[in-house]
C-alpha atoms as a PDB file:
ATOM      1  CA  MET A   1      39.756 -11.069 -18.082  1.00  0.00           C
ATOM      2  CA  ARG A   2      37.055 -11.481 -20.688  1.00  0.00           C
ATOM      3  CA  SER A   3      35.710 -14.614 -18.989  1.00  0.00           C
ATOM      4  CA  VAL A   4      35.343 -12.650 -15.752  1.00  0.00           C
ATOM      5  CA  TYR A   5      33.311  -9.996 -17.555  1.00  0.00           C
ATOM      6  CA  LEU A   6      31.046 -12.602 -19.114  1.00  0.00           C
ATOM      7  CA  SER A   7      30.570 -14.369 -15.765  1.00  0.00           C
ATOM      8  CA  LEU A   8      29.530 -11.105 -14.166  1.00  0.00           C
ATOM      9  CA  LEU A   9      27.164 -10.506 -17.051  1.00  0.00           C
ATOM     10  CA  VAL A  10      25.448 -13.874 -16.597  1.00  0.00           C
ATOM     11  CA  ALA A  11      25.252 -13.377 -12.837  1.00  0.00           C
ATOM     12  CA  SER A  12      23.477 -10.067 -13.352  1.00  0.00           C
ATOM     13  CA  GLN A  13      20.483 -11.974 -14.744  1.00  0.00           C
ATOM     14  CA  ALA A  14      19.716 -13.580 -11.372  1.00  0.00           C
ATOM     15  CA  PHE A  15      17.500 -10.712 -10.263  1.00  0.00           C
ATOM     16  CA  ALA A  16      13.838 -11.110  -9.352  1.00  0.00           C
ATOM     17  CA  GLN A  17      11.313 -11.812 -12.075  1.00  0.00           C
ATOM     18  CA  MET A  18       9.885  -8.956 -14.060  1.00  0.00           C
ATOM     19  CA  ASP A  19       6.711  -7.132 -13.166  1.00  0.00           C
ATOM     20  CA  VAL A  20       4.779  -4.941 -15.544  1.00  0.00           C
ATOM     21  CA  ASN A  21       4.257  -1.203 -15.226  1.00  0.00           C
ATOM     22  CA  GLU A  22       1.836   0.677 -17.449  1.00  0.00           C
ATOM     23  CA  ASP A  23       4.599   2.614 -19.194  1.00  0.00           C
ATOM     24  CA  TYR A  24       7.761   0.670 -18.365  1.00  0.00           C
ATOM     25  CA  LEU A  25       8.938  -2.896 -17.968  1.00  0.00           C
ATOM     26  CA  VAL A  26      10.468  -3.611 -14.563  1.00  0.00           C
ATOM     27  CA  GLY A  27      12.937  -6.426 -13.975  1.00  0.00           C
ATOM     28  CA  GLY A  28      15.874  -8.262 -15.503  1.00  0.00           C
ATOM     29  CA  PHE A  29      16.742  -8.167 -19.190  1.00  0.00           C
ATOM     30  CA  ILE A  30      19.235  -9.511 -21.686  1.00  0.00           C
ATOM     31  CA  GLU A  31      20.129  -7.673 -24.867  1.00  0.00           C
ATOM     32  CA  THR A  32      22.213  -7.927 -27.993  1.00  0.00           C
ATOM     33  CA  ASP A  33      23.314  -5.345 -30.521  1.00  0.00           C
ATOM     34  CA  ALA A  34      25.161  -4.878 -33.789  1.00  0.00           C
ATOM     35  CA  GLY A  35      26.842  -1.624 -34.734  1.00  0.00           C
ATOM     36  CA  TYR A  36      28.930   0.288 -37.244  1.00  0.00           C
ATOM     37  CA  ASN A  37      32.021   2.080 -35.903  1.00  0.00           C
ATOM     38  CA  ILE A  38      34.035   5.088 -37.004  1.00  0.00           C
ATOM     39  CA  TYR A  39      37.431   5.486 -35.310  1.00  0.00           C
ATOM     40  CA  ALA A  40      38.844   9.004 -35.098  1.00  0.00           C
ATOM     41  CA  ASP A  41      42.656   8.775 -34.793  1.00  0.00           C
ATOM     42  CA  ASP A  42      44.566  12.076 -34.812  1.00  0.00           C
ATOM     43  CA  ASN A  43      47.662  10.290 -36.151  1.00  0.00           C
ATOM     44  CA  LEU A  44      45.915   9.110 -39.312  1.00  0.00           C
ATOM     45  CA  ASP A  45      44.784  11.083 -42.334  1.00  0.00           C
ATOM     46  CA  THR A  46      41.594   9.029 -42.600  1.00  0.00           C
ATOM     47  CA  ASP A  47      38.992   7.576 -40.262  1.00  0.00           C
ATOM     48  CA  LEU A  48      38.953   3.813 -39.842  1.00  0.00           C
ATOM     49  CA  ARG A  49      35.701   1.891 -39.921  1.00  0.00           C
ATOM     50  CA  GLY A  50      34.482  -1.438 -38.623  1.00  0.00           C
ATOM     51  CA  TYR A  51      31.676  -3.348 -36.953  1.00  0.00           C
ATOM     52  CA  ALA A  52      30.688  -4.213 -33.403  1.00  0.00           C
ATOM     53  CA  PHE A  53      28.692  -7.061 -31.871  1.00  0.00           C
ATOM     54  CA  GLY A  54      27.595  -7.071 -28.258  1.00  0.00           C
ATOM     55  CA  LEU A  55      25.818  -9.108 -25.589  1.00  0.00           C
ATOM     56  CA  GLY A  56      24.655  -7.672 -22.298  1.00  0.00           C
ATOM     57  CA  GLY A  57      22.087  -7.563 -19.566  1.00  0.00           C
ATOM     58  CA  GLY A  58      20.929  -5.692 -16.535  1.00  0.00           C
ATOM     59  CA  TYR A  59      17.980  -4.633 -14.443  1.00  0.00           C
ATOM     60  CA  SER A  60      15.346  -1.921 -14.859  1.00  0.00           C
ATOM     61  CA  PHE A  61      14.090  -0.712 -11.493  1.00  0.00           C
ATOM     62  CA  ASP A  62      10.681   0.433 -10.353  1.00  0.00           C
ATOM     63  CA  TYR A  63      12.331   3.727  -9.416  1.00  0.00           C
ATOM     64  CA  TYR A  64      12.135   7.025 -11.287  1.00  0.00           C
ATOM     65  CA  VAL A  65      14.425  10.057 -11.448  1.00  0.00           C
ATOM     66  CA  TRP A  66      12.575  13.170 -12.648  1.00  0.00           C
ATOM     67  CA  GLY A  67      10.041  10.863 -14.282  1.00  0.00           C
ATOM     68  CA  ASN A  68      12.722   8.699 -15.946  1.00  0.00           C
ATOM     69  CA  GLN A  69      13.027   5.001 -15.157  1.00  0.00           C
ATOM     70  CA  LEU A  70      16.357   4.026 -13.583  1.00  0.00           C
ATOM     71  CA  GLY A  71      18.318   0.973 -14.680  1.00  0.00           C
ATOM     72  CA  LEU A  72      21.765  -0.621 -14.504  1.00  0.00           C
ATOM     73  CA  SER A  73      23.392  -2.539 -17.337  1.00  0.00           C
ATOM     74  CA  ALA A  74      26.574  -4.338 -18.358  1.00  0.00           C
ATOM     75  CA  GLU A  75      27.613  -5.307 -21.880  1.00  0.00           C
ATOM     76  CA  TYR A  76      30.558  -7.010 -23.543  1.00  0.00           C
ATOM     77  CA  GLN A  77      31.219  -5.798 -27.086  1.00  0.00           C
ATOM     78  CA  PHE A  78      33.600  -7.199 -29.673  1.00  0.00           C
ATOM     79  CA  LEU A  79      34.875  -4.844 -32.387  1.00  0.00           C
ATOM     80  CA  THR A  80      36.094  -6.218 -35.700  1.00  0.00           C
ATOM     81  CA  ASP A  81      39.760  -5.652 -36.551  1.00  0.00           C
ATOM     82  CA  THR A  82      40.821  -2.611 -38.549  1.00  0.00           C
ATOM     83  CA  THR A  83      43.911  -2.499 -40.771  1.00  0.00           C
ATOM     84  CA  HIS A  84      45.713   0.556 -42.149  1.00  0.00           C
ATOM     85  CA  ASN A  85      49.213   0.758 -43.660  1.00  0.00           C
ATOM     86  CA  GLY A  86      50.152  -2.663 -42.321  1.00  0.00           C
ATOM     87  CA  VAL A  87      48.904  -1.944 -38.791  1.00  0.00           C
ATOM     88  CA  THR A  88      46.034  -4.034 -37.411  1.00  0.00           C
ATOM     89  CA  ALA A  89      44.081  -2.930 -34.345  1.00  0.00           C
ATOM     90  CA  SER A  90      41.919  -5.265 -32.236  1.00  0.00           C
ATOM     91  CA  THR A  91      39.606  -3.899 -29.547  1.00  0.00           C
ATOM     92  CA  SER A  92      36.978  -5.184 -27.147  1.00  0.00           C
ATOM     93  CA  LEU A  93      34.875  -3.158 -24.714  1.00  0.00           C
ATOM     94  CA  THR A  94      32.957  -3.890 -21.530  1.00  0.00           C
ATOM     95  CA  TYR A  95      30.387  -1.257 -20.568  1.00  0.00           C
ATOM     96  CA  LEU A  96      29.122  -0.614 -17.041  1.00  0.00           C
ATOM     97  CA  ASP A  97      26.277   1.891 -17.184  1.00  0.00           C
ATOM     98  CA  VAL A  98      23.518   3.744 -15.437  1.00  0.00           C
ATOM     99  CA  GLU A  99      20.459   3.993 -17.685  1.00  0.00           C
ATOM    100  CA  LEU A 100      17.561   6.435 -17.731  1.00  0.00           C
ATOM    101  CA  LYS A 101      14.488   5.778 -19.858  1.00  0.00           C
ATOM    102  CA  ARG A 102      11.450   7.933 -20.612  1.00  0.00           C
ATOM    103  CA  LYS A 103       8.211   7.195 -22.431  1.00  0.00           C
ATOM    104  CA  ILE A 104       7.639   9.642 -25.301  1.00  0.00           C
ATOM    105  CA  PHE A 105       4.779   7.922 -27.174  1.00  0.00           C
ATOM    106  CA  ASP A 106       2.532   4.955 -26.386  1.00  0.00           C
ATOM    107  CA  THR A 107       5.143   2.315 -27.303  1.00  0.00           C
ATOM    108  CA  TYR A 108       8.316   4.390 -27.767  1.00  0.00           C
ATOM    109  CA  ARG A 109      10.998   5.092 -25.171  1.00  0.00           C
ATOM    110  CA  LEU A 110      13.862   7.590 -25.184  1.00  0.00           C
ATOM    111  CA  SER A 111      16.938   6.081 -23.514  1.00  0.00           C
ATOM    112  CA  GLY A 112      20.282   7.358 -22.298  1.00  0.00           C
ATOM    113  CA  LYS A 113      23.251   5.491 -20.825  1.00  0.00           C
ATOM    114  CA  LEU A 114      26.224   7.014 -19.035  1.00  0.00           C
ATOM    115  CA  GLY A 115      29.116   5.033 -17.662  1.00  0.00           C
ATOM    116  CA  ALA A 116      32.537   3.501 -18.064  1.00  0.00           C
ATOM    117  CA  ALA A 117      33.956   1.565 -20.994  1.00  0.00           C
ATOM    118  CA  LEU A 118      36.641  -0.932 -19.957  1.00  0.00           C
ATOM    119  CA  TRP A 119      38.752  -1.432 -23.050  1.00  0.00           C
ATOM    120  CA  ASP A 120      41.284  -4.018 -24.139  1.00  0.00           C
ATOM    121  CA  THR A 121      43.122  -3.057 -27.322  1.00  0.00           C
ATOM    122  CA  GLU A 122      46.029  -4.507 -29.272  1.00  0.00           C
ATOM    123  CA  ARG A 123      48.118  -2.941 -32.044  1.00  0.00           C
ATOM    124  CA  LYS A 124      49.895  -5.431 -34.315  1.00  0.00           C
ATOM    125  CA  THR A 125      52.582  -4.773 -36.918  1.00  0.00           C
ATOM    126  CA  SER A 126      54.989  -6.973 -38.845  1.00  0.00           C
ATOM    127  CA  VAL A 127      57.596  -6.578 -36.095  1.00  0.00           C
ATOM    128  CA  GLY A 128      55.410  -7.260 -33.068  1.00  0.00           C
ATOM    129  CA  SER A 129      52.388  -6.185 -31.070  1.00  0.00           C
ATOM    130  CA  VAL A 130      51.508  -3.885 -28.196  1.00  0.00           C
ATOM    131  CA  ASN A 131      48.592  -4.459 -25.821  1.00  0.00           C
ATOM    132  CA  ALA A 132      46.901  -2.026 -23.441  1.00  0.00           C
ATOM    133  CA  THR A 133      43.886  -1.932 -21.135  1.00  0.00           C
ATOM    134  CA  GLY A 134      42.123   0.969 -19.497  1.00  0.00           C
ATOM    135  CA  ILE A 135      38.886   2.789 -18.729  1.00  0.00           C
ATOM    136  CA  SER A 136      37.230   5.567 -20.705  1.00  0.00           C
ATOM    137  CA  PRO A 137      33.950   7.459 -20.271  1.00  0.00           C
ATOM    138  CA  HIS A 138      31.156   6.873 -22.733  1.00  0.00           C
ATOM    139  CA  ILE A 139      27.596   8.001 -23.421  1.00  0.00           C
ATOM    140  CA  LYS A 140      24.869   6.247 -25.392  1.00  0.00           C
ATOM    141  CA  VAL A 141      21.512   7.698 -26.479  1.00  0.00           C
ATOM    142  CA  GLY A 142      18.706   6.423 -28.639  1.00  0.00           C
ATOM    143  CA  ILE A 143      15.083   5.496 -29.103  1.00  0.00           C
ATOM    144  CA  SER A 144      13.396   2.120 -28.745  1.00  0.00           C
ATOM    145  CA  LYS A 145      10.005   0.647 -29.516  1.00  0.00           C
ATOM    146  CA  ARG A 146       8.336  -1.706 -27.089  1.00  0.00           C
ATOM    147  CA  ILE A 147       6.783  -4.879 -28.528  1.00  0.00           C
ATOM    148  CA  ASN A 148       5.266  -6.908 -25.676  1.00  0.00           C
ATOM    149  CA  ASP A 149       8.284  -8.090 -23.617  1.00  0.00           C
ATOM    150  CA  PHE A 150      10.823  -6.890 -26.206  1.00  0.00           C
ATOM    151  CA  GLU A 151      12.344  -3.539 -27.100  1.00  0.00           C
ATOM    152  CA  LEU A 152      13.899  -2.819 -30.490  1.00  0.00           C
ATOM    153  CA  GLY A 153      16.069   0.277 -30.587  1.00  0.00           C
ATOM    154  CA  ALA A 154      18.492   2.429 -32.576  1.00  0.00           C
ATOM    155  CA  PHE A 155      21.368   4.101 -30.699  1.00  0.00           C
ATOM    156  CA  TYR A 156      24.370   6.393 -30.987  1.00  0.00           C
ATOM    157  CA  ASN A 157      27.334   5.545 -28.740  1.00  0.00           C
ATOM    158  CA  PHE A 158      30.449   7.658 -28.122  1.00  0.00           C
ATOM    159  CA  VAL A 159      33.563   6.337 -26.353  1.00  0.00           C
ATOM    160  CA  TYR A 160      36.270   8.861 -25.507  1.00  0.00           C
ATOM    161  CA  LYS A 161      39.965   8.033 -26.018  1.00  0.00           C
ATOM    162  CA  VAL A 162      40.407   4.281 -26.249  1.00  0.00           C
ATOM    163  CA  GLY A 163      44.080   3.202 -26.078  1.00  0.00           C
ATOM    164  CA  ASN A 164      47.316   4.809 -24.916  1.00  0.00           C
ATOM    165  CA  ASP A 165      50.391   6.420 -26.494  1.00  0.00           C
ATOM    166  CA  GLU A 166      51.737   3.071 -27.669  1.00  0.00           C
ATOM    167  CA  THR A 167      48.502   1.699 -29.138  1.00  0.00           C
ATOM    168  CA  ARG A 168      47.403   5.212 -30.153  1.00  0.00           C
ATOM    169  CA  HIS A 169      44.395   7.036 -28.799  1.00  0.00           C
ATOM    170  CA  LYS A 170      41.166   6.913 -30.747  1.00  0.00           C
ATOM    171  CA  ASP A 171      37.614   8.091 -30.192  1.00  0.00           C
ATOM    172  CA  ILE A 172      34.854   5.703 -31.211  1.00  0.00           C
ATOM    173  CA  ASP A 173      31.574   6.821 -32.772  1.00  0.00           C
ATOM    174  CA  GLN A 174      29.093   3.993 -33.120  1.00  0.00           C
ATOM    175  CA  LEU A 175      25.617   3.556 -34.596  1.00  0.00           C
ATOM    176  CA  SER A 176      23.847   0.367 -33.554  1.00  0.00           C
ATOM    177  CA  LEU A 177      20.620  -1.600 -33.531  1.00  0.00           C
ATOM    178  CA  ASN A 178      19.650  -3.183 -30.232  1.00  0.00           C
ATOM    179  CA  LEU A 179      17.225  -5.937 -29.237  1.00  0.00           C
ATOM    180  CA  ARG A 180      16.316  -6.299 -25.562  1.00  0.00           C
ATOM    181  CA  TRP A 181      14.206  -9.011 -23.935  1.00  0.00           C
ATOM    182  CA  TYR A 182      12.711  -8.678 -20.463  1.00  0.00           C
ATOM    183  CA  PHE A 183      12.579 -12.136 -18.925  1.00  0.00           C
ATOM    184  CA  GLY A 184      10.233 -13.639 -16.355  1.00  0.00           C
ATOM    185  CA  ASP A 185       7.279 -11.646 -17.725  1.00  0.00           C
ATOM    186  CA  GLN A 186       4.740 -11.619 -14.941  1.00  0.00           C
ATOM    187  CA  ASP A 187       2.003  -9.224 -13.987  1.00  0.00           C
ATOM    188  CA  VAL A 188       1.720  -8.049 -10.439  1.00  0.00           C
ATOM    189  CA  THR A 189      -0.284 -10.434  -8.286  1.00  0.00           C
ATOM    190  CA  PRO A 190      -3.712 -10.471  -9.926  1.00  0.00           C
ATOM    191  CA  LEU A 191      -6.271  -8.389  -8.125  1.00  0.00           C
ATOM    192  CA  PRO A 192      -9.534 -10.070  -9.072  1.00  0.00           C
ATOM    193  CA  VAL A 193     -12.846  -8.420  -9.638  1.00  0.00           C
ATOM    194  CA  ALA A 194     -14.706  -8.328  -6.374  1.00  0.00           C
ATOM    195  CA  ILE A 195     -17.356 -11.006  -6.685  1.00  0.00           C
ATOM    196  CA  GLN A 196     -20.270 -10.868  -4.335  1.00  0.00           C
ATOM    197  CA  SER A 197     -23.213 -13.201  -3.935  1.00  0.00           C
ATOM    198  CA  GLU A 198     -24.344 -14.732  -7.216  1.00  0.00           C
ATOM    199  CA  PRO A 199     -27.459 -12.875  -8.382  1.00  0.00           C
ATOM    200  CA  THR A 200     -30.566 -14.718  -9.493  1.00  0.00           C
ATOM    201  CA  PRO A 201     -33.053 -13.430 -12.048  1.00  0.00           C
ATOM    202  CA  ALA A 202     -35.266 -10.644 -10.761  1.00  0.00           C
ATOM    203  CA  THR A 203     -38.365 -12.552 -11.825  1.00  0.00           C
ATOM    204  CA  THR A 204     -37.697 -15.309  -9.290  1.00  0.00           C
ATOM    205  CA  LYS A 205     -36.811 -13.138  -6.308  1.00  0.00           C
ATOM    206  CA  THR A 206     -38.179 -14.092  -2.902  1.00  0.00           C
ATOM    207  CA  LYS A 207     -38.210 -12.263   0.375  1.00  0.00           C
ATOM    208  CA  THR A 208     -35.238 -14.293   1.630  1.00  0.00           C
ATOM    209  CA  GLU A 209     -33.117 -13.843  -1.520  1.00  0.00           C
ATOM    210  CA  THR A 210     -29.850 -11.900  -1.264  1.00  0.00           C
ATOM    211  CA  THR A 211     -28.810  -9.534  -4.043  1.00  0.00           C
ATOM    212  CA  PRO A 212     -25.430  -8.116  -5.052  1.00  0.00           C
ATOM    213  CA  PHE A 213     -26.574  -4.598  -4.162  1.00  0.00           C
ATOM    214  CA  ASP A 214     -25.950  -2.909  -0.834  1.00  0.00           C
ATOM    215  CA  LYS A 215     -28.633  -1.126   1.164  1.00  0.00           C
ATOM    216  CA  SER A 216     -28.139   2.011  -0.917  1.00  0.00           C
ATOM    217  CA  GLY A 217     -28.747   0.097  -4.148  1.00  0.00           C
ATOM    218  CA  PHE A 218     -25.140  -0.086  -5.401  1.00  0.00           C
ATOM    219  CA  PHE A 219     -22.747  -2.828  -6.485  1.00  0.00           C
ATOM    220  CA  ARG A 220     -19.091  -1.778  -6.734  1.00  0.00           C
ATOM    221  CA  SER A 221     -16.111  -3.569  -8.214  1.00  0.00           C
ATOM    222  CA  GLU A 222     -12.760  -2.944  -9.924  1.00  0.00           C
ATOM    223  CA  ILE A 223     -11.185  -4.165 -13.145  1.00  0.00           C
ATOM    224  CA  PHE A 224      -7.401  -4.063 -12.707  1.00  0.00           C
ATOM    225  CA  SER A 225      -4.719  -3.446 -15.330  1.00  0.00           C
ATOM    226  CA  ASN A 226      -3.691  -7.118 -15.626  1.00  0.00           C
ATOM    227  CA  ASN A 227      -6.943  -7.564 -17.590  1.00  0.00           C
ATOM    228  CA  PHE A 228      -5.561  -5.308 -20.363  1.00  0.00           C
ATOM    229  CA  ASN A 229      -2.553  -5.460 -22.657  1.00  0.00           C
ATOM    230  CA  HIS A 230       0.496  -3.739 -21.181  1.00  0.00           C
ATOM    231  CA  GLY A 231       0.098   0.019 -21.518  1.00  0.00           C
ATOM    232  CA  SER A 232      -2.923  -0.502 -23.764  1.00  0.00           C
ATOM    233  CA  SER A 233      -6.712  -0.318 -23.625  1.00  0.00           C
ATOM    234  CA  LYS A 234      -7.124  -3.714 -25.302  1.00  0.00           C
ATOM    235  CA  LEU A 235      -9.111  -6.009 -23.018  1.00  0.00           C
ATOM    236  CA  ILE A 236      -7.486  -9.470 -22.865  1.00  0.00           C
ATOM    237  CA  HIS A 237      -9.260 -11.118 -19.909  1.00  0.00           C
ATOM    238  CA  SER A 238     -12.974 -10.566 -20.460  1.00  0.00           C
ATOM    239  CA  GLU A 239     -13.871 -13.417 -18.090  1.00  0.00           C
ATOM    240  CA  SER A 240     -13.266 -10.967 -15.249  1.00  0.00           C
ATOM    241  CA  LEU A 241     -16.404  -9.119 -16.418  1.00  0.00           C
ATOM    242  CA  SER A 242     -18.740 -12.124 -16.434  1.00  0.00           C
ATOM    243  CA  ASN A 243     -20.165 -11.336 -13.001  1.00  0.00           C
ATOM    244  CA  ILE A 244     -20.909  -7.747 -14.040  1.00  0.00           C
ATOM    245  CA  VAL A 245     -22.632  -8.906 -17.229  1.00  0.00           C
ATOM    246  CA  GLN A 246     -24.732 -11.375 -15.244  1.00  0.00           C
ATOM    247  CA  ILE A 247     -25.816  -8.733 -12.735  1.00  0.00           C
ATOM    248  CA  MET A 248     -26.886  -6.281 -15.434  1.00  0.00           C
ATOM    249  CA  LYS A 249     -28.789  -8.974 -17.308  1.00  0.00           C
ATOM    250  CA  SER A 250     -30.465 -10.195 -14.127  1.00  0.00           C
ATOM    251  CA  TYR A 251     -31.525  -6.668 -13.177  1.00  0.00           C
ATOM    252  CA  PRO A 252     -32.731  -4.936 -16.376  1.00  0.00           C
ATOM    253  CA  THR A 253     -33.259  -1.586 -14.627  1.00  0.00           C
ATOM    254  CA  SER A 254     -29.670  -1.404 -13.382  1.00  0.00           C
ATOM    255  CA  ARG A 255     -27.199   1.125 -14.783  1.00  0.00           C
ATOM    256  CA  ALA A 256     -23.386   1.113 -14.782  1.00  0.00           C
ATOM    257  CA  ILE A 257     -20.865   3.945 -14.381  1.00  0.00           C
ATOM    258  CA  LEU A 258     -17.307   3.041 -15.434  1.00  0.00           C
ATOM    259  CA  THR A 259     -14.378   5.218 -14.312  1.00  0.00           C
ATOM    260  CA  GLY A 260     -10.837   4.601 -15.556  1.00  0.00           C
ATOM    261  CA  HIS A 261      -7.743   5.393 -13.485  1.00  0.00           C
ATOM    262  CA  THR A 262      -3.940   5.142 -13.899  1.00  0.00           C
ATOM    263  CA  ASP A 263      -0.847   5.557 -11.749  1.00  0.00           C
ATOM    264  CA  ASP A 264       1.343   8.677 -11.934  1.00  0.00           C
ATOM    265  CA  VAL A 265       4.056   7.325 -14.255  1.00  0.00           C
ATOM    266  CA  GLY A 266       4.093   9.040 -17.639  1.00  0.00           C
ATOM    267  CA  SER A 267       2.541  12.307 -18.731  1.00  0.00           C
ATOM    268  CA  SER A 268      -0.775  13.456 -17.289  1.00  0.00           C
ATOM    269  CA  GLN A 269      -2.196  13.753 -20.805  1.00  0.00           C
ATOM    270  CA  SER A 270      -1.321  10.179 -21.824  1.00  0.00           C
ATOM    271  CA  ASN A 271      -2.617   8.848 -18.501  1.00  0.00           C
ATOM    272  CA  MET A 272      -5.929  10.641 -18.974  1.00  0.00           C
ATOM    273  CA  LYS A 273      -6.317   9.164 -22.456  1.00  0.00           C
ATOM    274  CA  LEU A 274      -5.419   5.645 -21.296  1.00  0.00           C
ATOM    275  CA  SER A 275      -7.887   5.779 -18.399  1.00  0.00           C
ATOM    276  CA  LEU A 276     -10.702   6.926 -20.704  1.00  0.00           C
ATOM    277  CA  ASP A 277      -9.849   4.340 -23.368  1.00  0.00           C
ATOM    278  CA  ARG A 278      -9.861   1.502 -20.838  1.00  0.00           C
ATOM    279  CA  ALA A 279     -13.217   2.558 -19.431  1.00  0.00           C
ATOM    280  CA  LYS A 280     -14.563   2.660 -22.991  1.00  0.00           C
ATOM    281  CA  SER A 281     -13.183  -0.848 -23.661  1.00  0.00           C
ATOM    282  CA  VAL A 282     -15.142  -2.178 -20.695  1.00  0.00           C
ATOM    283  CA  SER A 283     -18.236  -0.330 -21.936  1.00  0.00           C
ATOM    284  CA  ASP A 284     -17.805  -1.787 -25.425  1.00  0.00           C
ATOM    285  CA  TYR A 285     -17.509  -5.292 -24.012  1.00  0.00           C
ATOM    286  CA  LEU A 286     -20.673  -4.955 -21.916  1.00  0.00           C
ATOM    287  CA  GLU A 287     -22.513  -3.698 -24.985  1.00  0.00           C
ATOM    288  CA  SER A 288     -21.199  -6.667 -27.012  1.00  0.00           C
ATOM    289  CA  GLN A 289     -22.740  -8.967 -24.398  1.00  0.00           C
ATOM    290  CA  GLY A 290     -26.203  -7.530 -24.927  1.00  0.00           C
ATOM    291  CA  ILE A 291     -26.240  -4.677 -22.406  1.00  0.00           C
ATOM    292  CA  ASP A 292     -27.881  -1.635 -23.993  1.00  0.00           C
ATOM    293  CA  LYS A 293     -25.436   1.264 -24.261  1.00  0.00           C
ATOM    294  CA  SER A 294     -28.046   3.626 -22.795  1.00  0.00           C
ATOM    295  CA  ARG A 295     -27.497   1.831 -19.470  1.00  0.00           C
ATOM    296  CA  ILE A 296     -23.733   2.467 -19.478  1.00  0.00           C
ATOM    297  CA  SER A 297     -21.694   5.632 -19.005  1.00  0.00           C
ATOM    298  CA  TYR A 298     -17.914   5.935 -18.757  1.00  0.00           C
ATOM    299  CA  ARG A 299     -15.222   8.497 -18.021  1.00  0.00           C
ATOM    300  CA  GLY A 300     -11.486   8.724 -17.324  1.00  0.00           C
ATOM    301  CA  GLU A 301      -9.762  10.429 -14.411  1.00  0.00           C
ATOM    302  CA  GLY A 302      -6.146   9.624 -15.284  1.00  0.00           C
ATOM    303  CA  GLU A 303      -3.784   9.738 -12.320  1.00  0.00           C
ATOM    304  CA  HIS A 304      -5.880  12.141 -10.242  1.00  0.00           C
ATOM    305  CA  SER A 305      -7.825   9.729  -7.991  1.00  0.00           C
ATOM    306  CA  PRO A 306      -5.408   7.160  -6.537  1.00  0.00           C
ATOM    307  CA  VAL A 307      -6.684   4.785  -3.864  1.00  0.00           C
ATOM    308  CA  VAL A 308      -3.183   4.533  -2.340  1.00  0.00           C
ATOM    309  CA  ALA A 309       0.056   6.498  -2.657  1.00  0.00           C
ATOM    310  CA  ASN A 310       2.027   5.880  -5.860  1.00  0.00           C
ATOM    311  CA  ASP A 311       5.166   4.999  -3.895  1.00  0.00           C
ATOM    312  CA  SER A 312       5.747   1.364  -4.891  1.00  0.00           C
ATOM    313  CA  HIS A 313       5.107  -0.984  -7.793  1.00  0.00           C
ATOM    314  CA  SER A 314       2.368  -2.862  -5.917  1.00  0.00           C
ATOM    315  CA  ASN A 315       0.627   0.384  -4.959  1.00  0.00           C
ATOM    316  CA  ARG A 316       0.748   1.700  -8.511  1.00  0.00           C
ATOM    317  CA  ALA A 317      -0.845  -1.571  -9.648  1.00  0.00           C
ATOM    318  CA  LYS A 318      -3.771  -0.919  -7.282  1.00  0.00           C
ATOM    319  CA  ASN A 319      -4.257   2.536  -8.793  1.00  0.00           C
ATOM    320  CA  ARG A 320      -4.370   1.220 -12.377  1.00  0.00           C
ATOM    321  CA  ARG A 321      -8.009   0.186 -12.547  1.00  0.00           C
ATOM    322  CA  VAL A 322     -11.477   0.733 -13.930  1.00  0.00           C
ATOM    323  CA  ASP A 323     -14.008   1.315 -11.158  1.00  0.00           C
ATOM    324  CA  VAL A 324     -17.411  -0.243 -11.815  1.00  0.00           C
ATOM    325  CA  GLU A 325     -20.469   1.117 -10.022  1.00  0.00           C
ATOM    326  CA  ILE A 326     -23.830  -0.482 -10.812  1.00  0.00           C
ATOM    327  CA  SER A 327     -26.929   1.159  -9.393  1.00  0.00           C
ATOM    328  CA  CYS A 328     -30.402  -0.315  -9.239  1.00  0.00           C
ATOM    329  CA  VAL A 329     -33.511   1.177  -7.652  1.00  0.00           C
ATOM    330  CA  ASN A 330     -35.545  -1.203  -5.470  1.00  0.00           C
ATOM    331  CA  CYS A 331     -33.190  -4.104  -6.224  1.00  0.00           C
ATOM    332  CA  GLN A 332     -31.638  -4.537  -2.815  1.00  0.00           C
END
């Protein structure tokens, strides 16, 4: 029976590779945990205590219920034996759960799991042993911190009535530490900065030369979220800005307006802050490359100006961007 559970657990990892959302990781994961158990048995005058060690996995979907990310998970957990008055109890659990997760701070997530605990328990005495299997409801809640592709969390787990009349019923209260790894870390398909004709220095312009500016004197481009750390304003792919730097250096009278945007996942307040911070990061980089800050302005619009509907992961990726608009009078 246990080998079947473990086989199902391994098979659950064969989902598609993970994509990255601003506030949540989407895709397959594996996880492990270690916990401390308290067993409440009405037939005993004291609570028994022990430890638990688990291995599991599942999938976090790009689907949200009342703003909470939906996921499915399975976990096999081994509980250390407990002994009291010559009676030894051995128990293992397999959890099948629905998970909801919500961002509460920049890198912290509040999680809840609700599902079934398939238990296998044995009660051994000096005269023999009794074995029983069954299903009990359980709930698990906690908080986790995201660190790149990992989540480290602390959880409380409650399992109701494990065992039967022969093995004795017991409730399980468990405190645990959990480490989860999202595998196949991969951004959505990169959406590169729109690169137009290579500009040449204004001092060498000829009548036949083309410029990056349209007839109205504007150059427009986008910097997408795969150029930043996940859920952060830290710029990690500055090479995507090289064309913008070159244009502004080639046309000294040009000016840039930077506008940050996000998708609609997460709170409106955090999205507004992230959009502004990312626009500022682009501004800071341009300034570090020798562009005078008086030629740059930036703002954030949060989730309020999507270019497409926020109804899929790929569409949300298109909405997570910094719009770049460079204007130049008499440069076209």
